[in-house]
Amino acid sequence: MNTSTSALTESIFYILLALQEPMHGYGIMQKTSAMSRGRLILSAGTLYGAISNLLEKGWIEPGGESSDTDGRRKMYRITDAGQEALKAELARLEELVSNGREFINK
């Protein structure tokens, strides 16, 4: 499983954050929009491209109960590797903010 230390895109960061609970694609789109206060609006193409990438990296996996009565909505959940990637990105962002505050306030 790849837990690369390179910076995550904003979309990937918010998708992983949204998947702290199992969710289907439309739910991810709604949650990311709500968390970003409407600033990040994921198109279906962007979302499913990101989901494909995250599945490939092993950062998310299919799972969770379908919320549809016919079971067509595929659910996703974050893996331990995805959680580690999210934590690493949060630490990186906190360092950026800390350094920025330190040098701007001099």
PDB file of N, CA and C in Angstrom:
ATOM      1  N   MET A   1       0.837  -1.185   0.000  1.00  0.00           N
ATOM      2  CA  MET A   1       0.000   0.000   0.000  1.00  0.00           C
ATOM      3  C   MET A   1       0.878   1.242   0.000  1.00  0.00           C
ATOM      4  N   ASN A   2       0.493   2.218  -0.782  1.00  0.00           N
ATOM      5  CA  ASN A   2       1.280   3.418  -0.957  1.00  0.00           C
ATOM      6  C   ASN A   2       0.817   4.507   0.004  1.00  0.00           C
ATOM      7  N   THR A   3       1.698   4.953   0.883  1.00  0.00           N
ATOM      8  CA  THR A   3       1.391   6.080   1.756  1.00  0.00           C
ATOM      9  C   THR A   3       2.366   7.203   1.444  1.00  0.00           C
ATOM     10  N   SER A   4       2.431   7.555   0.196  1.00  0.00           N
ATOM     11  CA  SER A   4       3.330   8.581  -0.305  1.00  0.00           C
ATOM     12  C   SER A   4       3.268   9.836   0.549  1.00  0.00           C
ATOM     13  N   THR A   5       4.417  10.503   0.676  1.00  0.00           N
ATOM     14  CA  THR A   5       4.475  11.713   1.474  1.00  0.00           C
ATOM     15  C   THR A   5       4.232  12.970   0.640  1.00  0.00           C
ATOM     16  N   SER A   6       3.926  12.816  -0.640  1.00  0.00           N
ATOM     17  CA  SER A   6       3.660  14.009  -1.443  1.00  0.00           C
ATOM     18  C   SER A   6       2.335  14.635  -1.019  1.00  0.00           C
ATOM     19  N   ALA A   7       2.219  15.918  -1.306  1.00  0.00           N
ATOM     20  CA  ALA A   7       1.026  16.662  -0.909  1.00  0.00           C
ATOM     21  C   ALA A   7      -0.215  16.089  -1.579  1.00  0.00           C
ATOM     22  N   LEU A   8      -1.308  16.063  -0.841  1.00  0.00           N
ATOM     23  CA  LEU A   8      -2.588  15.630  -1.388  1.00  0.00           C
ATOM     24  C   LEU A   8      -3.272  16.821  -2.048  1.00  0.00           C
ATOM     25  N   THR A   9      -4.035  16.545  -3.079  1.00  0.00           N
ATOM     26  CA  THR A   9      -4.855  17.621  -3.640  1.00  0.00           C
ATOM     27  C   THR A   9      -5.959  17.927  -2.639  1.00  0.00           C
ATOM     28  N   GLU A  10      -6.546  19.089  -2.786  1.00  0.00           N
ATOM     29  CA  GLU A  10      -7.637  19.464  -1.904  1.00  0.00           C
ATOM     30  C   GLU A  10      -8.801  18.482  -2.027  1.00  0.00           C
ATOM     31  N   SER A  11      -9.096  18.060  -3.249  1.00  0.00           N
ATOM     32  CA  SER A  11     -10.195  17.104  -3.464  1.00  0.00           C
ATOM     33  C   SER A  11      -9.931  15.795  -2.735  1.00  0.00           C
ATOM     34  N   ILE A  12      -8.731  15.251  -2.889  1.00  0.00           N
ATOM     35  CA  ILE A  12      -8.379  13.984  -2.238  1.00  0.00           C
ATOM     36  C   ILE A  12      -8.445  14.136  -0.717  1.00  0.00           C
ATOM     37  N   PHE A  13      -7.912  15.240  -0.206  1.00  0.00           N
ATOM     38  CA  PHE A  13      -7.937  15.494   1.233  1.00  0.00           C
ATOM     39  C   PHE A  13      -9.368  15.474   1.762  1.00  0.00           C
ATOM     40  N   TYR A  14     -10.259  16.205   1.098  1.00  0.00           N
ATOM     41  CA  TYR A  14     -11.649  16.271   1.563  1.00  0.00           C
ATOM     42  C   TYR A  14     -12.389  14.947   1.374  1.00  0.00           C
ATOM     43  N   ILE A  15     -12.090  14.211   0.327  1.00  0.00           N
ATOM     44  CA  ILE A  15     -12.729  12.899   0.132  1.00  0.00           C
ATOM     45  C   ILE A  15     -12.340  11.961   1.275  1.00  0.00           C
ATOM     46  N   LEU A  16     -11.043  11.909   1.590  1.00  0.00           N
ATOM     47  CA  LEU A  16     -10.592  11.062   2.698  1.00  0.00           C
ATOM     48  C   LEU A  16     -11.207  11.520   4.018  1.00  0.00           C
ATOM     49  N   LEU A  17     -11.301  12.816   4.213  1.00  0.00           N
ATOM     50  CA  LEU A  17     -11.913  13.352   5.423  1.00  0.00           C
ATOM     51  C   LEU A  17     -13.388  12.965   5.500  1.00  0.00           C
ATOM     52  N   ALA A  18     -14.081  13.048   4.378  1.00  0.00           N
ATOM     53  CA  ALA A  18     -15.502  12.686   4.338  1.00  0.00           C
ATOM     54  C   ALA A  18     -15.710  11.210   4.670  1.00  0.00           C
ATOM     55  N   LEU A  19     -14.746  10.379   4.286  1.00  0.00           N
ATOM     56  CA  LEU A  19     -14.906   8.936   4.465  1.00  0.00           C
ATOM     57  C   LEU A  19     -14.508   8.442   5.856  1.00  0.00           C
ATOM     58  N   GLN A  20     -14.601   9.301   6.842  1.00  0.00           N
ATOM     59  CA  GLN A  20     -14.427   8.851   8.223  1.00  0.00           C
ATOM     60  C   GLN A  20     -15.589   7.944   8.610  1.00  0.00           C
ATOM     61  N   GLU A  21     -16.626   7.974   7.801  1.00  0.00           N
ATOM     62  CA  GLU A  21     -17.736   7.028   7.924  1.00  0.00           C
ATOM     63  C   GLU A  21     -18.039   6.534   6.510  1.00  0.00           C
ATOM     64  N   PRO A  22     -18.437   5.264   6.341  1.00  0.00           N
ATOM     65  CA  PRO A  22     -18.735   4.754   4.997  1.00  0.00           C
ATOM     66  C   PRO A  22     -19.780   5.620   4.295  1.00  0.00           C
ATOM     67  N   MET A  23     -19.567   5.837   3.008  1.00  0.00           N
ATOM     68  CA  MET A  23     -20.437   6.745   2.273  1.00  0.00           C
ATOM     69  C   MET A  23     -20.414   6.393   0.789  1.00  0.00           C
ATOM     70  N   HIS A  24     -21.493   6.706   0.095  1.00  0.00           N
ATOM     71  CA  HIS A  24     -21.550   6.521  -1.356  1.00  0.00           C
ATOM     72  C   HIS A  24     -21.129   7.820  -2.031  1.00  0.00           C
ATOM     73  N   GLY A  25     -20.924   7.759  -3.339  1.00  0.00           N
ATOM     74  CA  GLY A  25     -20.405   8.899  -4.089  1.00  0.00           C
ATOM     75  C   GLY A  25     -21.181  10.186  -3.914  1.00  0.00           C
ATOM     76  N   TYR A  26     -22.495  10.119  -4.020  1.00  0.00           N
ATOM     77  CA  TYR A  26     -23.290  11.339  -3.890  1.00  0.00           C
ATOM     78  C   TYR A  26     -23.156  11.925  -2.483  1.00  0.00           C
ATOM     79  N   GLY A  27     -23.095  11.053  -1.479  1.00  0.00           N
ATOM     80  CA  GLY A  27     -22.896  11.507  -0.104  1.00  0.00           C
ATOM     81  C   GLY A  27     -21.545  12.191   0.065  1.00  0.00           C
ATOM     82  N   ILE A  28     -20.514  11.648  -0.600  1.00  0.00           N
ATOM     83  CA  ILE A  28     -19.183  12.263  -0.552  1.00  0.00           C
ATOM     84  C   ILE A  28     -19.244  13.664  -1.159  1.00  0.00           C
ATOM     85  N   MET A  29     -19.932  13.797  -2.295  1.00  0.00           N
ATOM     86  CA  MET A  29     -20.063  15.101  -2.953  1.00  0.00           C
ATOM     87  C   MET A  29     -20.732  16.105  -2.016  1.00  0.00           C
ATOM     88  N   GLN A  30     -21.789  15.688  -1.351  1.00  0.00           N
ATOM     89  CA  GLN A  30     -22.506  16.580  -0.431  1.00  0.00           C
ATOM     90  C   GLN A  30     -21.651  16.944   0.785  1.00  0.00           C
ATOM     91  N   LYS A  31     -20.980  15.952   1.347  1.00  0.00           N
ATOM     92  CA  LYS A  31     -20.187  16.174   2.567  1.00  0.00           C
ATOM     93  C   LYS A  31     -18.996  17.086   2.285  1.00  0.00           C
ATOM     94  N   THR A  32     -18.292  16.867   1.160  1.00  0.00           N
ATOM     95  CA  THR A  32     -17.145  17.722   0.844  1.00  0.00           C
ATOM     96  C   THR A  32     -17.591  19.160   0.615  1.00  0.00           C
ATOM     97  N   SER A  33     -18.726  19.333  -0.020  1.00  0.00           N
ATOM     98  CA  SER A  33     -19.258  20.676  -0.232  1.00  0.00           C
ATOM     99  C   SER A  33     -19.592  21.337   1.106  1.00  0.00           C
ATOM    100  N   ALA A  34     -20.215  20.592   1.998  1.00  0.00           N
ATOM    101  CA  ALA A  34     -20.578  21.134   3.315  1.00  0.00           C
ATOM    102  C   ALA A  34     -19.331  21.473   4.134  1.00  0.00           C
ATOM    103  N   MET A  35     -18.337  20.573   4.147  1.00  0.00           N
ATOM    104  CA  MET A  35     -17.122  20.817   4.927  1.00  0.00           C
ATOM    105  C   MET A  35     -16.363  22.034   4.425  1.00  0.00           C
ATOM    106  N   SER A  36     -16.391  22.278   3.117  1.00  0.00           N
ATOM    107  CA  SER A  36     -15.668  23.417   2.543  1.00  0.00           C
ATOM    108  C   SER A  36     -16.548  24.660   2.444  1.00  0.00           C
ATOM    109  N   ARG A  37     -17.724  24.593   3.026  1.00  0.00           N
ATOM    110  CA  ARG A  37     -18.693  25.695   3.003  1.00  0.00           C
ATOM    111  C   ARG A  37     -19.028  26.100   1.563  1.00  0.00           C
ATOM    112  N   GLY A  38     -19.152  25.082   0.700  1.00  0.00           N
ATOM    113  CA  GLY A  38     -19.557  25.301  -0.686  1.00  0.00           C
ATOM    114  C   GLY A  38     -18.438  25.727  -1.622  1.00  0.00           C
ATOM    115  N   ARG A  39     -17.221  25.841  -1.119  1.00  0.00           N
ATOM    116  CA  ARG A  39     -16.099  26.259  -1.952  1.00  0.00           C
ATOM    117  C   ARG A  39     -15.630  25.140  -2.878  1.00  0.00           C
ATOM    118  N   LEU A  40     -15.705  23.901  -2.422  1.00  0.00           N
ATOM    119  CA  LEU A  40     -15.282  22.751  -3.222  1.00  0.00           C
ATOM    120  C   LEU A  40     -16.515  21.988  -3.688  1.00  0.00           C
ATOM    121  N   ILE A  41     -16.784  22.063  -4.970  1.00  0.00           N
ATOM    122  CA  ILE A  41     -17.895  21.327  -5.570  1.00  0.00           C
ATOM    123  C   ILE A  41     -17.294  20.283  -6.496  1.00  0.00           C
ATOM    124  N   LEU A  42     -17.416  19.024  -6.130  1.00  0.00           N
ATOM    125  CA  LEU A  42     -16.847  17.942  -6.938  1.00  0.00           C
ATOM    126  C   LEU A  42     -17.829  17.530  -8.028  1.00  0.00           C
ATOM    127  N   SER A  43     -17.361  17.503  -9.259  1.00  0.00           N
ATOM    128  CA  SER A  43     -18.182  16.951 -10.339  1.00  0.00           C
ATOM    129  C   SER A  43     -18.107  15.431 -10.229  1.00  0.00           C
ATOM    130  N   ALA A  44     -19.045  14.759 -10.861  1.00  0.00           N
ATOM    131  CA  ALA A  44     -19.040  13.292 -10.834  1.00  0.00           C
ATOM    132  C   ALA A  44     -17.750  12.748 -11.434  1.00  0.00           C
ATOM    133  N   GLY A  45     -17.290  13.347 -12.522  1.00  0.00           N
ATOM    134  CA  GLY A  45     -16.054  12.891 -13.169  1.00  0.00           C
ATOM    135  C   GLY A  45     -14.845  13.027 -12.264  1.00  0.00           C
ATOM    136  N   THR A  46     -14.744  14.156 -11.595  1.00  0.00           N
ATOM    137  CA  THR A  46     -13.630  14.379 -10.665  1.00  0.00           C
ATOM    138  C   THR A  46     -13.701  13.397  -9.512  1.00  0.00           C
ATOM    139  N   LEU A  47     -14.896  13.230  -8.945  1.00  0.00           N
ATOM    140  CA  LEU A  47     -15.062  12.335  -7.808  1.00  0.00           C
ATOM    141  C   LEU A  47     -14.706  10.903  -8.171  1.00  0.00           C
ATOM    142  N   TYR A  48     -15.256  10.396  -9.266  1.00  0.00           N
ATOM    143  CA  TYR A  48     -15.020   8.989  -9.580  1.00  0.00           C
ATOM    144  C   TYR A  48     -13.612   8.731 -10.089  1.00  0.00           C
ATOM    145  N   GLY A  49     -12.969   9.740 -10.682  1.00  0.00           N
ATOM    146  CA  GLY A  49     -11.542   9.627 -11.014  1.00  0.00           C
ATOM    147  C   GLY A  49     -10.717   9.527  -9.740  1.00  0.00           C
ATOM    148  N   ALA A  50     -11.051  10.359  -8.752  1.00  0.00           N
ATOM    149  CA  ALA A  50     -10.350  10.336  -7.468  1.00  0.00           C
ATOM    150  C   ALA A  50     -10.599   9.015  -6.741  1.00  0.00           C
ATOM    151  N   ILE A  51     -11.829   8.536  -6.758  1.00  0.00           N
ATOM    152  CA  ILE A  51     -12.148   7.258  -6.110  1.00  0.00           C
ATOM    153  C   ILE A  51     -11.336   6.130  -6.736  1.00  0.00           C
ATOM    154  N   SER A  52     -11.239   6.122  -8.057  1.00  0.00           N
ATOM    155  CA  SER A  52     -10.445   5.104  -8.750  1.00  0.00           C
ATOM    156  C   SER A  52      -8.984   5.166  -8.293  1.00  0.00           C
ATOM    157  N   ASN A  53      -8.437   6.369  -8.212  1.00  0.00           N
ATOM    158  CA  ASN A  53      -7.059   6.580  -7.765  1.00  0.00           C
ATOM    159  C   ASN A  53      -6.886   6.107  -6.317  1.00  0.00           C
ATOM    160  N   LEU A  54      -7.823   6.451  -5.460  1.00  0.00           N
ATOM    161  CA  LEU A  54      -7.734   6.071  -4.050  1.00  0.00           C
ATOM    162  C   LEU A  54      -7.870   4.567  -3.853  1.00  0.00           C
ATOM    163  N   LEU A  55      -8.725   3.930  -4.639  1.00  0.00           N
ATOM    164  CA  LEU A  55      -8.845   2.471  -4.586  1.00  0.00           C
ATOM    165  C   LEU A  55      -7.534   1.817  -5.010  1.00  0.00           C
ATOM    166  N   GLU A  56      -6.937   2.351  -6.057  1.00  0.00           N
ATOM    167  CA  GLU A  56      -5.666   1.822  -6.575  1.00  0.00           C
ATOM    168  C   GLU A  56      -4.554   1.936  -5.532  1.00  0.00           C
ATOM    169  N   LYS A  57      -4.521   3.034  -4.807  1.00  0.00           N
ATOM    170  CA  LYS A  57      -3.501   3.244  -3.771  1.00  0.00           C
ATOM    171  C   LYS A  57      -3.785   2.430  -2.509  1.00  0.00           C
ATOM    172  N   GLY A  58      -4.998   1.915  -2.391  1.00  0.00           N
ATOM    173  CA  GLY A  58      -5.368   1.179  -1.187  1.00  0.00           C
ATOM    174  C   GLY A  58      -5.751   2.092  -0.036  1.00  0.00           C
ATOM    175  N   TRP A  59      -6.066   3.351  -0.333  1.00  0.00           N
ATOM    176  CA  TRP A  59      -6.426   4.305   0.711  1.00  0.00           C
ATOM    177  C   TRP A  59      -7.905   4.253   1.044  1.00  0.00           C
ATOM    178  N   ILE A  60      -8.713   3.733   0.136  1.00  0.00           N
ATOM    179  CA  ILE A  60     -10.126   3.478   0.410  1.00  0.00           C
ATOM    180  C   ILE A  60     -10.453   2.097  -0.123  1.00  0.00           C
ATOM    181  N   GLU A  61     -11.599   1.574   0.298  1.00  0.00           N
ATOM    182  CA  GLU A  61     -12.053   0.279  -0.191  1.00  0.00           C
ATOM    183  C   GLU A  61     -13.572   0.290  -0.233  1.00  0.00           C
ATOM    184  N   PRO A  62     -14.146  -0.584  -1.063  1.00  0.00           N
ATOM    185  CA  PRO A  62     -15.610  -0.702  -1.041  1.00  0.00           C
ATOM    186  C   PRO A  62     -16.024  -1.234   0.321  1.00  0.00           C
ATOM    187  N   GLY A  63     -17.138  -0.772   0.814  1.00  0.00           N
ATOM    188  CA  GLY A  63     -17.606  -1.302   2.088  1.00  0.00           C
ATOM    189  C   GLY A  63     -18.676  -0.458   2.709  1.00  0.00           C
ATOM    190  N   GLY A  64     -19.398  -1.047   3.606  1.00  0.00           N
ATOM    191  CA  GLY A  64     -20.494  -0.358   4.282  1.00  0.00           C
ATOM    192  C   GLY A  64     -21.816  -0.808   3.710  1.00  0.00           C
ATOM    193  N   GLU A  65     -22.846  -0.518   4.421  1.00  0.00           N
ATOM    194  CA  GLU A  65     -24.196  -0.893   3.998  1.00  0.00           C
ATOM    195  C   GLU A  65     -24.704   0.083   2.952  1.00  0.00           C
ATOM    196  N   SER A  66     -25.315  -0.434   1.902  1.00  0.00           N
ATOM    197  CA  SER A  66     -25.921   0.424   0.888  1.00  0.00           C
ATOM    198  C   SER A  66     -27.138   1.101   1.472  1.00  0.00           C
ATOM    199  N   SER A  67     -27.304   2.394   1.138  1.00  0.00           N
ATOM    200  CA  SER A  67     -28.462   3.125   1.651  1.00  0.00           C
ATOM    201  C   SER A  67     -29.644   3.055   0.695  1.00  0.00           C
ATOM    202  N   ASP A  68     -29.442   2.449  -0.460  1.00  0.00           N
ATOM    203  CA  ASP A  68     -30.520   2.299  -1.449  1.00  0.00           C
ATOM    204  C   ASP A  68     -31.255   0.987  -1.212  1.00  0.00           C
ATOM    205  N   THR A  69     -32.538   0.986  -1.422  1.00  0.00           N
ATOM    206  CA  THR A  69     -33.294  -0.250  -1.245  1.00  0.00           C
ATOM    207  C   THR A  69     -32.909  -1.284  -2.302  1.00  0.00           C
ATOM    208  N   ASP A  70     -32.501  -0.830  -3.501  1.00  0.00           N
ATOM    209  CA  ASP A  70     -32.095  -1.787  -4.534  1.00  0.00           C
ATOM    210  C   ASP A  70     -30.597  -2.096  -4.478  1.00  0.00           C
ATOM    211  N   GLY A  71     -29.853  -1.444  -3.560  1.00  0.00           N
ATOM    212  CA  GLY A  71     -28.441  -1.747  -3.357  1.00  0.00           C
ATOM    213  C   GLY A  71     -27.512  -1.305  -4.467  1.00  0.00           C
ATOM    214  N   ARG A  72     -27.905  -0.371  -5.321  1.00  0.00           N
ATOM    215  CA  ARG A  72     -27.068   0.046  -6.442  1.00  0.00           C
ATOM    216  C   ARG A  72     -25.975   1.035  -6.059  1.00  0.00           C
ATOM    217  N   ARG A  73     -26.133   1.783  -5.004  1.00  0.00           N
ATOM    218  CA  ARG A  73     -25.115   2.755  -4.622  1.00  0.00           C
ATOM    219  C   ARG A  73     -23.952   2.049  -3.951  1.00  0.00           C
ATOM    220  N   LYS A  74     -22.766   2.197  -4.538  1.00  0.00           N
ATOM    221  CA  LYS A  74     -21.572   1.582  -3.978  1.00  0.00           C
ATOM    222  C   LYS A  74     -21.055   2.450  -2.839  1.00  0.00           C
ATOM    223  N   MET A  75     -20.808   1.815  -1.718  1.00  0.00           N
ATOM    224  CA  MET A  75     -20.301   2.502  -0.539  1.00  0.00           C
ATOM    225  C   MET A  75     -18.781   2.352  -0.491  1.00  0.00           C
ATOM    226  N   TYR A  76     -18.127   3.353   0.093  1.00  0.00           N
ATOM    227  CA  TYR A  76     -16.671   3.348   0.248  1.00  0.00           C
ATOM    228  C   TYR A  76     -16.336   3.687   1.683  1.00  0.00           C
ATOM    229  N   ARG A  77     -15.168   3.217   2.122  1.00  0.00           N
ATOM    230  CA  ARG A  77     -14.672   3.564   3.452  1.00  0.00           C
ATOM    231  C   ARG A  77     -13.154   3.721   3.388  1.00  0.00           C
ATOM    232  N   ILE A  78     -12.630   4.525   4.280  1.00  0.00           N
ATOM    233  CA  ILE A  78     -11.190   4.773   4.334  1.00  0.00           C
ATOM    234  C   ILE A  78     -10.500   3.567   4.968  1.00  0.00           C
ATOM    235  N   THR A  79      -9.297   3.257   4.499  1.00  0.00           N
ATOM    236  CA  THR A  79      -8.499   2.174   5.072  1.00  0.00           C
ATOM    237  C   THR A  79      -7.504   2.757   6.076  1.00  0.00           C
ATOM    238  N   ASP A  80      -6.794   1.883   6.759  1.00  0.00           N
ATOM    239  CA  ASP A  80      -5.750   2.349   7.682  1.00  0.00           C
ATOM    240  C   ASP A  80      -4.689   3.146   6.923  1.00  0.00           C
ATOM    241  N   ALA A  81      -4.327   2.687   5.721  1.00  0.00           N
ATOM    242  CA  ALA A  81      -3.332   3.408   4.909  1.00  0.00           C
ATOM    243  C   ALA A  81      -3.852   4.785   4.513  1.00  0.00           C
ATOM    244  N   GLY A  82      -5.126   4.882   4.195  1.00  0.00           N
ATOM    245  CA  GLY A  82      -5.728   6.170   3.873  1.00  0.00           C
ATOM    246  C   GLY A  82      -5.745   7.098   5.074  1.00  0.00           C
ATOM    247  N   GLN A  83      -6.020   6.529   6.226  1.00  0.00           N
ATOM    248  CA  GLN A  83      -6.026   7.320   7.460  1.00  0.00           C
ATOM    249  C   GLN A  83      -4.630   7.870   7.736  1.00  0.00           C
ATOM    250  N   GLU A  84      -3.602   7.052   7.502  1.00  0.00           N
ATOM    251  CA  GLU A  84      -2.220   7.504   7.700  1.00  0.00           C
ATOM    252  C   GLU A  84      -1.859   8.614   6.711  1.00  0.00           C
ATOM    253  N   ALA A  85      -2.284   8.466   5.456  1.00  0.00           N
ATOM    254  CA  ALA A  85      -2.026   9.504   4.451  1.00  0.00           C
ATOM    255  C   ALA A  85      -2.710  10.806   4.849  1.00  0.00           C
ATOM    256  N   LEU A  86      -3.917  10.717   5.359  1.00  0.00           N
ATOM    257  CA  LEU A  86      -4.664  11.899   5.800  1.00  0.00           C
ATOM    258  C   LEU A  86      -3.963  12.566   6.986  1.00  0.00           C
ATOM    259  N   LYS A  87      -3.510  11.785   7.944  1.00  0.00           N
ATOM    260  CA  LYS A  87      -2.796  12.330   9.105  1.00  0.00           C
ATOM    261  C   LYS A  87      -1.491  12.987   8.692  1.00  0.00           C
ATOM    262  N   ALA A  88      -0.771  12.359   7.752  1.00  0.00           N
ATOM    263  CA  ALA A  88       0.488  12.939   7.267  1.00  0.00           C
ATOM    264  C   ALA A  88       0.237  14.270   6.574  1.00  0.00           C
ATOM    265  N   GLU A  89      -0.832  14.343   5.792  1.00  0.00           N
ATOM    266  CA  GLU A  89      -1.163  15.602   5.116  1.00  0.00           C
ATOM    267  C   GLU A  89      -1.561  16.675   6.120  1.00  0.00           C
ATOM    268  N   LEU A  90      -2.302  16.316   7.122  1.00  0.00           N
ATOM    269  CA  LEU A  90      -2.698  17.276   8.145  1.00  0.00           C
ATOM    270  C   LEU A  90      -1.461  17.820   8.856  1.00  0.00           C
ATOM    271  N   ALA A  91      -0.515  16.965   9.173  1.00  0.00           N
ATOM    272  CA  ALA A  91       0.734  17.408   9.811  1.00  0.00           C
ATOM    273  C   ALA A  91       1.496  18.352   8.883  1.00  0.00           C
ATOM    274  N   ARG A  92       1.525  18.040   7.595  1.00  0.00           N
ATOM    275  CA  ARG A  92       2.211  18.890   6.623  1.00  0.00           C
ATOM    276  C   ARG A  92       1.549  20.262   6.562  1.00  0.00           C
ATOM    277  N   LEU A  93       0.221  20.283   6.517  1.00  0.00           N
ATOM    278  CA  LEU A  93      -0.511  21.548   6.453  1.00  0.00           C
ATOM    279  C   LEU A  93      -0.330  22.365   7.736  1.00  0.00           C
ATOM    280  N   GLU A  94      -0.322  21.693   8.884  1.00  0.00           N
ATOM    281  CA  GLU A  94      -0.104  22.392  10.154  1.00  0.00           C
ATOM    282  C   GLU A  94       1.276  23.037  10.188  1.00  0.00           C
ATOM    283  N   GLU A  95       2.286  22.349   9.650  1.00  0.00           N
ATOM    284  CA  GLU A  95       3.634  22.913   9.577  1.00  0.00           C
ATOM    285  C   GLU A  95       3.654  24.148   8.680  1.00  0.00           C
ATOM    286  N   LEU A  96       2.971  24.072   7.542  1.00  0.00           N
ATOM    287  CA  LEU A  96       2.897  25.231   6.641  1.00  0.00           C
ATOM    288  C   LEU A  96       2.280  26.437   7.350  1.00  0.00           C
ATOM    289  N   VAL A  97       1.168  26.212   8.024  1.00  0.00           N
ATOM    290  CA  VAL A  97       0.482  27.303   8.722  1.00  0.00           C
ATOM    291  C   VAL A  97       1.368  27.857   9.835  1.00  0.00           C
ATOM    292  N   SER A  98       1.988  26.993  10.605  1.00  0.00           N
ATOM    293  CA  SER A  98       2.860  27.418  11.697  1.00  0.00           C
ATOM    294  C   SER A  98       4.020  28.257  11.172  1.00  0.00           C
ATOM    295  N   ASN A  99       4.678  27.776  10.124  1.00  0.00           N
ATOM    296  CA  ASN A  99       5.796  28.522   9.545  1.00  0.00           C
ATOM    297  C   ASN A  99       5.328  29.845   8.960  1.00  0.00           C
ATOM    298  N   GLY A 100       4.193  29.831   8.307  1.00  0.00           N
ATOM    299  CA  GLY A 100       3.655  31.064   7.743  1.00  0.00           C
ATOM    300  C   GLY A 100       3.376  32.091   8.813  1.00  0.00           C
ATOM    301  N   ARG A 101       2.749  31.679   9.893  1.00  0.00           N
ATOM    302  CA  ARG A 101       2.437  32.607  10.997  1.00  0.00           C
ATOM    303  C   ARG A 101       3.719  33.146  11.625  1.00  0.00           C
ATOM    304  N   GLU A 102       4.690  32.261  11.803  1.00  0.00           N
ATOM    305  CA  GLU A 102       5.944  32.659  12.442  1.00  0.00           C
ATOM    306  C   GLU A 102       6.648  33.745  11.607  1.00  0.00           C
ATOM    307  N   PHE A 103       6.717  33.566  10.323  1.00  0.00           N
ATOM    308  CA  PHE A 103       7.475  34.494   9.501  1.00  0.00           C
ATOM    309  C   PHE A 103       6.689  35.736   9.094  1.00  0.00           C
ATOM    310  N   ILE A 104       5.392  35.637   8.987  1.00  0.00           N
ATOM    311  CA  ILE A 104       4.595  36.810   8.666  1.00  0.00           C
ATOM    312  C   ILE A 104       4.486  37.744   9.855  1.00  0.00           C
ATOM    313  N   ASN A 105       4.465  37.182  11.047  1.00  0.00           N
ATOM    314  CA  ASN A 105       4.313  37.989  12.267  1.00  0.00           C
ATOM    315  C   ASN A 105       5.620  38.558  12.796  1.00  0.00           C
ATOM    316  N   LYS A 106       6.730  38.375  12.095  1.00  0.00           N
ATOM    317  CA  LYS A 106       8.021  38.929  12.545  1.00  0.00           C
ATOM    318  C   LYS A 106       8.083  40.399  12.305  1.00  0.00           C
TER     319      LYS A 106
END
